Amino acid sequence: MFTQINCPNCQQPIAINVKRLVAGDSFSCKGCSAKISLAGESSNVVTKAVNSFEKVAAQAKH
């Protein structure tokens, strides 16, 4: 699952693969090279949210 956020430093869009973000990867802004990553304590919350979203999306397809 992909999403996009604005860089907190320069507001340029940063494309993010949510599953890779939860797995611990970081993403860099092409405008200012700022690094975006997920805080360790947030990983469980984001994982649950992604799983819930995928479950709802799968049900909507049926």
C-alpha atoms as a PDB file:
ATOM      1  CA  MET A   1       0.000   0.000   0.000  1.00  0.00           C
ATOM      2  CA  PHE A   2       1.370   3.370  -1.033  1.00  0.00           C
ATOM      3  CA  THR A   3       0.586   6.845   0.232  1.00  0.00           C
ATOM      4  CA  GLN A   4       2.080  10.287   0.034  1.00  0.00           C
ATOM      5  CA  ILE A   5       2.849  12.828   2.748  1.00  0.00           C
ATOM      6  CA  ASN A   6       4.336  16.298   2.623  1.00  0.00           C
ATOM      7  CA  CYS A   7       7.838  16.721   3.965  1.00  0.00           C
ATOM      8  CA  PRO A   8       7.732  18.426   7.364  1.00  0.00           C
ATOM      9  CA  ASN A   9      10.724  20.564   6.329  1.00  0.00           C
ATOM     10  CA  CYS A  10      10.027  21.725   2.769  1.00  0.00           C
ATOM     11  CA  GLN A  11       6.480  20.481   2.050  1.00  0.00           C
ATOM     12  CA  GLN A  12       7.549  18.491  -1.019  1.00  0.00           C
ATOM     13  CA  PRO A  13       5.519  15.280  -1.483  1.00  0.00           C
ATOM     14  CA  ILE A  14       7.200  12.066  -0.314  1.00  0.00           C
ATOM     15  CA  ALA A  15       5.899   8.741  -1.663  1.00  0.00           C
ATOM     16  CA  ILE A  16       5.782   6.098   1.065  1.00  0.00           C
ATOM     17  CA  ASN A  17       5.216   2.352   0.937  1.00  0.00           C
ATOM     18  CA  VAL A  18       3.309   1.814   4.196  1.00  0.00           C
ATOM     19  CA  LYS A  19       4.319  -1.845   4.588  1.00  0.00           C
ATOM     20  CA  ARG A  20       7.995  -0.928   4.208  1.00  0.00           C
ATOM     21  CA  LEU A  21       7.548   1.943   6.661  1.00  0.00           C
ATOM     22  CA  VAL A  22       6.103  -0.446   9.271  1.00  0.00           C
ATOM     23  CA  ALA A  23       8.955  -2.871   8.567  1.00  0.00           C
ATOM     24  CA  GLY A  24      11.438  -0.171   9.584  1.00  0.00           C
ATOM     25  CA  ASP A  25      12.459   1.409   6.279  1.00  0.00           C
ATOM     26  CA  SER A  26      12.912   5.158   5.994  1.00  0.00           C
ATOM     27  CA  PHE A  27      12.114   7.424   3.073  1.00  0.00           C
ATOM     28  CA  SER A  28      13.962  10.529   1.900  1.00  0.00           C
ATOM     29  CA  CYS A  29      12.580  13.800   0.637  1.00  0.00           C
ATOM     30  CA  LYS A  30      13.799  14.565  -2.872  1.00  0.00           C
ATOM     31  CA  GLY A  31      13.586  18.288  -2.119  1.00  0.00           C
ATOM     32  CA  CYS A  32      15.693  18.599   1.043  1.00  0.00           C
ATOM     33  CA  SER A  33      16.903  15.027   1.819  1.00  0.00           C
ATOM     34  CA  ALA A  34      15.019  14.870   5.142  1.00  0.00           C
ATOM     35  CA  LYS A  35      14.466  11.291   6.326  1.00  0.00           C
ATOM     36  CA  ILE A  36      10.991  10.054   7.270  1.00  0.00           C
ATOM     37  CA  SER A  37      10.611   6.935   9.404  1.00  0.00           C
ATOM     38  CA  LEU A  38       8.198   5.464  11.903  1.00  0.00           C
ATOM     39  CA  ALA A  39       8.952   5.713  15.609  1.00  0.00           C
ATOM     40  CA  GLY A  40       9.330   2.240  17.114  1.00  0.00           C
ATOM     41  CA  GLU A  41       6.527   2.742  19.619  1.00  0.00           C
ATOM     42  CA  SER A  42       4.134   3.624  16.764  1.00  0.00           C
ATOM     43  CA  SER A  43       4.752   0.434  14.798  1.00  0.00           C
ATOM     44  CA  ASN A  44       2.031  -1.639  16.517  1.00  0.00           C
ATOM     45  CA  VAL A  45      -0.605   1.084  16.128  1.00  0.00           C
ATOM     46  CA  VAL A  46       0.174   1.568  12.436  1.00  0.00           C
ATOM     47  CA  THR A  47       0.302  -2.192  11.798  1.00  0.00           C
ATOM     48  CA  LYS A  48      -3.156  -2.631  13.330  1.00  0.00           C
ATOM     49  CA  ALA A  49      -4.531   0.276  11.301  1.00  0.00           C
ATOM     50  CA  VAL A  50      -3.092  -1.097   8.043  1.00  0.00           C
ATOM     51  CA  ASN A  51      -4.441  -4.580   8.763  1.00  0.00           C
ATOM     52  CA  SER A  52      -7.898  -3.153   9.536  1.00  0.00           C
ATOM     53  CA  PHE A  53      -7.866  -1.093   6.361  1.00  0.00           C
ATOM     54  CA  GLU A  54      -6.854  -4.091   4.235  1.00  0.00           C
ATOM     55  CA  LYS A  55      -9.608  -6.206   5.811  1.00  0.00           C
ATOM     56  CA  VAL A  56     -12.252  -3.567   5.046  1.00  0.00           C
ATOM     57  CA  ALA A  57     -10.913  -3.105   1.511  1.00  0.00           C
ATOM     58  CA  ALA A  58     -11.038  -6.866   0.878  1.00  0.00           C
ATOM     59  CA  GLN A  59     -14.631  -7.042   2.164  1.00  0.00           C
ATOM     60  CA  ALA A  60     -15.650  -4.141  -0.065  1.00  0.00           C
ATOM     61  CA  LYS A  61     -14.423  -6.052  -3.135  1.00  0.00           C
ATOM     62  CA  HIS A  62     -16.834  -8.908  -2.449  1.00  0.00           C
END
